[in-house]
C-alpha atoms as a PDB file:
ATOM      1  CA  MET A   1     121.132  90.334 116.794  1.00  0.00           C
ATOM      2  CA  THR A   2     121.333  88.151 114.088  1.00  0.00           C
ATOM      3  CA  VAL A   3     123.928  88.058 111.127  1.00  0.00           C
ATOM      4  CA  SER A   4     123.338  85.809 108.104  1.00  0.00           C
ATOM      5  CA  THR A   5     125.387  85.651 105.212  1.00  0.00           C
ATOM      6  CA  SER A   6     124.219  84.595 101.578  1.00  0.00           C
ATOM      7  CA  SER A   7     126.543  83.121  99.074  1.00  0.00           C
ATOM      8  CA  ILE A   8     126.088  85.115  95.843  1.00  0.00           C
ATOM      9  CA  PRO A   9     128.464  84.633  92.629  1.00  0.00           C
ATOM     10  CA  GLN A  10     131.224  87.482  92.706  1.00  0.00           C
ATOM     11  CA  CYS A  11     130.160  89.027  96.021  1.00  0.00           C
ATOM     12  CA  ALA A  12     128.801  88.272  99.337  1.00  0.00           C
ATOM     13  CA  VAL A  13     125.921  89.813 100.887  1.00  0.00           C
ATOM     14  CA  HIS A  14     125.529  90.310 104.531  1.00  0.00           C
ATOM     15  CA  ILE A  15     122.297  91.030 106.541  1.00  0.00           C
ATOM     16  CA  ILE A  16     122.374  92.457 109.800  1.00  0.00           C
ATOM     17  CA  GLU A  17     118.932  92.605 111.532  1.00  0.00           C
ATOM     18  CA  ALA A  18     118.830  94.762 114.852  1.00  0.00           C
ATOM     19  CA  ASP A  19     115.835  96.160 116.457  1.00  0.00           C
ATOM     20  CA  GLY A  20     113.667  95.377 113.543  1.00  0.00           C
ATOM     21  CA  ILE A  21     115.885  97.138 111.128  1.00  0.00           C
ATOM     22  CA  GLN A  22     117.705  95.288 108.456  1.00  0.00           C
ATOM     23  CA  VAL A  23     120.777  96.494 106.945  1.00  0.00           C
ATOM     24  CA  PHE A  24     122.375  95.060 103.791  1.00  0.00           C
ATOM     25  CA  TYR A  25     125.899  95.562 102.779  1.00  0.00           C
ATOM     26  CA  ARG A  26     128.107  93.775 100.006  1.00  0.00           C
ATOM     27  CA  GLU A  27     131.647  92.775 100.021  1.00  0.00           C
ATOM     28  CA  ASP A  28     133.024  93.728  96.533  1.00  0.00           C
END
């Protein structure tokens, strides 16, 4: 499982990929 973090103005978007499924969630 890999966890990557993208730096975006105003919020951070995290991408979790496990078993071929990608889950995106934001920290508001």
